[in-house]
Amino acid sequence: MTGTFRATIEIKATPDAVYRQFVEPERLVHWMGDVARLEAVEGGVFSIDINGVLIRGHFVALEHNRRIEVAWGELGNAAMPSGATRLVIELAAIPGSTRLTLTRSGLAEDEAEKHAIGWPHFLARFMTCTEIHDPGSDPWAIASTDKPDVEP
């Protein structure tokens, strides 16, 4: 059985500013994760360490300022191996803001439950980062100063 997590938020930023938060490593780790390697082209690497969780996959499709699709998985997680699930970000310009719809699909039921906790946390940090520019330290961050390698 597979599950899906979906969330929609409105952000006081342009679609370009929102899009860049997901495809530029230095912007992505500002609100989610510690280190990232992103090659924002179809088939390009999507690799991020999120508080000790090693996410690996690749970009499936990119439509500048409109849509990002990532094959997403976690190293060492048999329920969600590298690239086995999908993250889709859809952006729509609305007056003075951008509507972002995030969909995580192909998740095992227990993984969908985890994502239902994790994504609201990170989307709140994302909104702060996009609108105010400094979400501060992630309270979920691991205390270790050792950063795992992000090679795929």
Protein backbone atom coordinates (compact mmCIF):
# COMPACT_ATOMS: atom_id res chain seq x y z
CA MET A 1 0.00 0.00 0.00
CA THR A 2 1.33 3.46 -0.86
CA GLY A 3 0.51 6.80 0.64
CA THR A 4 0.63 10.41 -0.40
CA PHE A 5 1.27 13.59 1.53
CA ARG A 6 0.10 16.90 0.03
CA ALA A 7 0.31 20.46 1.33
CA THR A 8 -0.49 23.84 -0.19
CA ILE A 9 0.87 27.13 1.13
CA GLU A 10 0.95 30.73 -0.05
CA ILE A 11 4.26 32.56 0.12
CA LYS A 12 4.82 36.29 -0.19
CA ALA A 13 7.49 35.87 -2.87
CA THR A 14 7.70 35.54 -6.63
CA PRO A 15 7.60 32.11 -8.29
CA ASP A 16 11.27 32.64 -9.26
CA ALA A 17 12.30 33.24 -5.62
CA VAL A 18 10.37 30.15 -4.52
CA TYR A 19 11.71 27.97 -7.35
CA ARG A 20 15.31 28.92 -6.55
CA GLN A 21 14.87 27.74 -2.93
CA PHE A 22 14.48 24.17 -4.24
CA VAL A 23 17.15 24.08 -6.97
CA GLU A 24 20.09 26.01 -5.50
CA PRO A 25 21.99 24.04 -2.82
CA GLU A 26 22.96 27.03 -0.68
CA ARG A 27 19.32 28.18 -0.56
CA LEU A 28 17.89 24.71 0.13
CA VAL A 29 20.15 24.04 3.11
CA HIS A 30 19.28 27.41 4.59
CA TRP A 31 15.85 26.02 5.55
CA MET A 32 16.23 22.23 5.20
CA GLY A 33 19.32 20.16 5.68
CA ASP A 34 23.00 20.56 6.32
CA VAL A 35 24.65 20.00 2.96
CA ALA A 36 23.31 19.43 -0.54
CA ARG A 37 24.49 18.56 -4.02
CA LEU A 38 21.97 19.57 -6.66
CA GLU A 39 22.30 19.48 -10.43
CA ALA A 40 19.04 21.13 -11.46
CA VAL A 41 18.64 19.54 -14.89
CA GLU A 42 16.54 16.56 -15.90
CA GLY A 43 18.43 13.48 -14.71
CA GLY A 44 20.70 15.62 -12.51
CA VAL A 45 21.70 14.67 -8.98
CA PHE A 46 19.45 15.50 -6.02
CA SER A 47 21.38 14.73 -2.84
CA ILE A 48 20.80 16.27 0.58
CA ASP A 49 21.58 15.44 4.19
CA ILE A 50 18.61 16.46 6.32
CA ASN A 51 19.66 16.27 9.96
CA GLY A 52 21.42 12.95 9.45
CA VAL A 53 18.88 11.53 6.98
CA LEU A 54 20.63 10.94 3.65
CA ILE A 55 18.22 11.74 0.80
CA ARG A 56 19.31 10.59 -2.65
CA GLY A 57 17.65 10.80 -6.02
CA HIS A 58 17.56 12.84 -9.19
CA PHE A 59 15.60 15.58 -10.90
CA VAL A 60 12.94 14.03 -13.12
CA ALA A 61 11.48 17.21 -14.62
CA LEU A 62 11.91 20.96 -14.24
CA GLU A 63 9.68 23.72 -15.61
CA HIS A 64 11.29 26.99 -14.55
CA ASN A 65 9.14 28.83 -11.97
CA ARG A 66 6.30 26.30 -12.41
CA ARG A 67 7.16 22.73 -11.49
CA ILE A 68 9.91 20.54 -10.04
CA GLU A 69 9.75 16.75 -9.89
CA VAL A 70 12.33 14.76 -7.95
CA ALA A 71 12.82 10.99 -7.64
CA TRP A 72 13.46 10.83 -3.87
CA GLY A 73 14.66 8.16 -1.48
CA GLU A 74 16.69 7.59 1.65
CA LEU A 75 19.96 5.68 1.89
CA GLY A 76 19.54 2.67 4.15
CA ASN A 77 15.73 2.77 4.15
CA ALA A 78 14.31 -0.35 2.46
CA ALA A 79 10.81 1.18 2.53
CA MET A 80 12.01 4.20 0.54
CA PRO A 81 15.22 3.39 -1.38
CA SER A 82 17.07 6.07 -3.34
CA GLY A 83 14.88 7.57 -6.06
CA ALA A 84 11.88 5.29 -5.31
CA THR A 85 9.30 7.95 -4.42
CA ARG A 86 8.32 11.31 -5.89
CA LEU A 87 8.45 14.88 -4.67
CA VAL A 88 6.51 17.29 -6.88
CA ILE A 89 6.54 21.04 -6.29
CA GLU A 90 3.99 23.04 -8.29
CA LEU A 91 4.07 26.84 -8.30
CA ALA A 92 1.35 29.27 -9.35
CA ALA A 93 1.62 33.05 -9.33
CA ILE A 94 -1.20 34.77 -7.46
CA PRO A 95 -1.49 38.49 -6.71
CA GLY A 96 1.45 39.41 -4.44
CA SER A 97 2.38 35.79 -3.71
CA THR A 98 3.03 32.30 -4.98
CA ARG A 99 0.90 29.26 -4.27
CA LEU A 100 3.10 26.22 -3.68
CA THR A 101 1.62 22.73 -3.75
CA LEU A 102 3.95 20.01 -2.52
CA THR A 103 3.09 16.37 -3.17
CA ARG A 104 5.05 13.38 -1.87
CA SER A 105 3.81 10.17 -3.47
CA GLY A 106 4.73 6.50 -3.61
CA LEU A 107 5.29 6.39 0.15
CA ALA A 108 4.77 3.34 2.33
CA GLU A 109 2.04 4.12 4.85
CA ASP A 110 4.44 4.61 7.79
CA GLU A 111 6.63 6.86 5.61
CA ALA A 112 3.56 8.95 4.68
CA GLU A 113 2.93 9.44 8.41
CA LYS A 114 6.53 10.63 8.92
CA HIS A 115 6.24 13.04 6.00
CA ALA A 116 2.99 14.40 7.43
CA ILE A 117 5.05 15.48 10.46
CA GLY A 118 8.27 16.52 8.71
CA TRP A 119 7.03 18.54 5.75
CA PRO A 120 4.89 20.99 7.80
CA HIS A 121 7.99 21.65 9.94
CA PHE A 122 10.19 22.31 6.90
CA LEU A 123 7.53 24.28 5.00
CA ALA A 124 7.19 26.61 7.99
CA ARG A 125 10.97 27.12 7.91
CA PHE A 126 10.77 27.58 4.12
CA MET A 127 8.14 30.31 4.47
CA THR A 128 10.25 32.12 7.06
CA CYS A 129 13.34 31.83 4.89
CA THR A 130 11.56 33.04 1.77
CA GLU A 131 9.64 35.89 3.41
CA ILE A 132 12.00 36.99 6.22
CA HIS A 133 15.30 35.42 5.06
CA ASP A 134 16.50 33.81 8.32
CA PRO A 135 14.67 30.82 9.75
CA GLY A 136 17.36 30.43 12.43
CA SER A 137 18.76 27.10 13.56
CA ASP A 138 16.63 24.07 12.91
CA PRO A 139 15.51 22.70 16.30
CA TRP A 140 15.52 19.22 14.73
CA ALA A 141 19.18 19.50 13.68
CA ILE A 142 21.58 16.93 15.04
CA ALA A 143 24.19 18.25 17.43
CA SER A 144 27.10 16.56 15.65
CA THR A 145 29.50 18.74 13.71
CA ASP A 146 30.38 15.78 11.47
CA LYS A 147 28.76 16.21 8.07
CA PRO A 148 28.22 13.05 6.01
CA ASP A 149 29.40 12.95 2.44
CA VAL A 150 26.62 13.83 -0.04
CA GLU A 151 27.94 11.92 -3.02
CA PRO A 152 25.16 9.84 -4.63
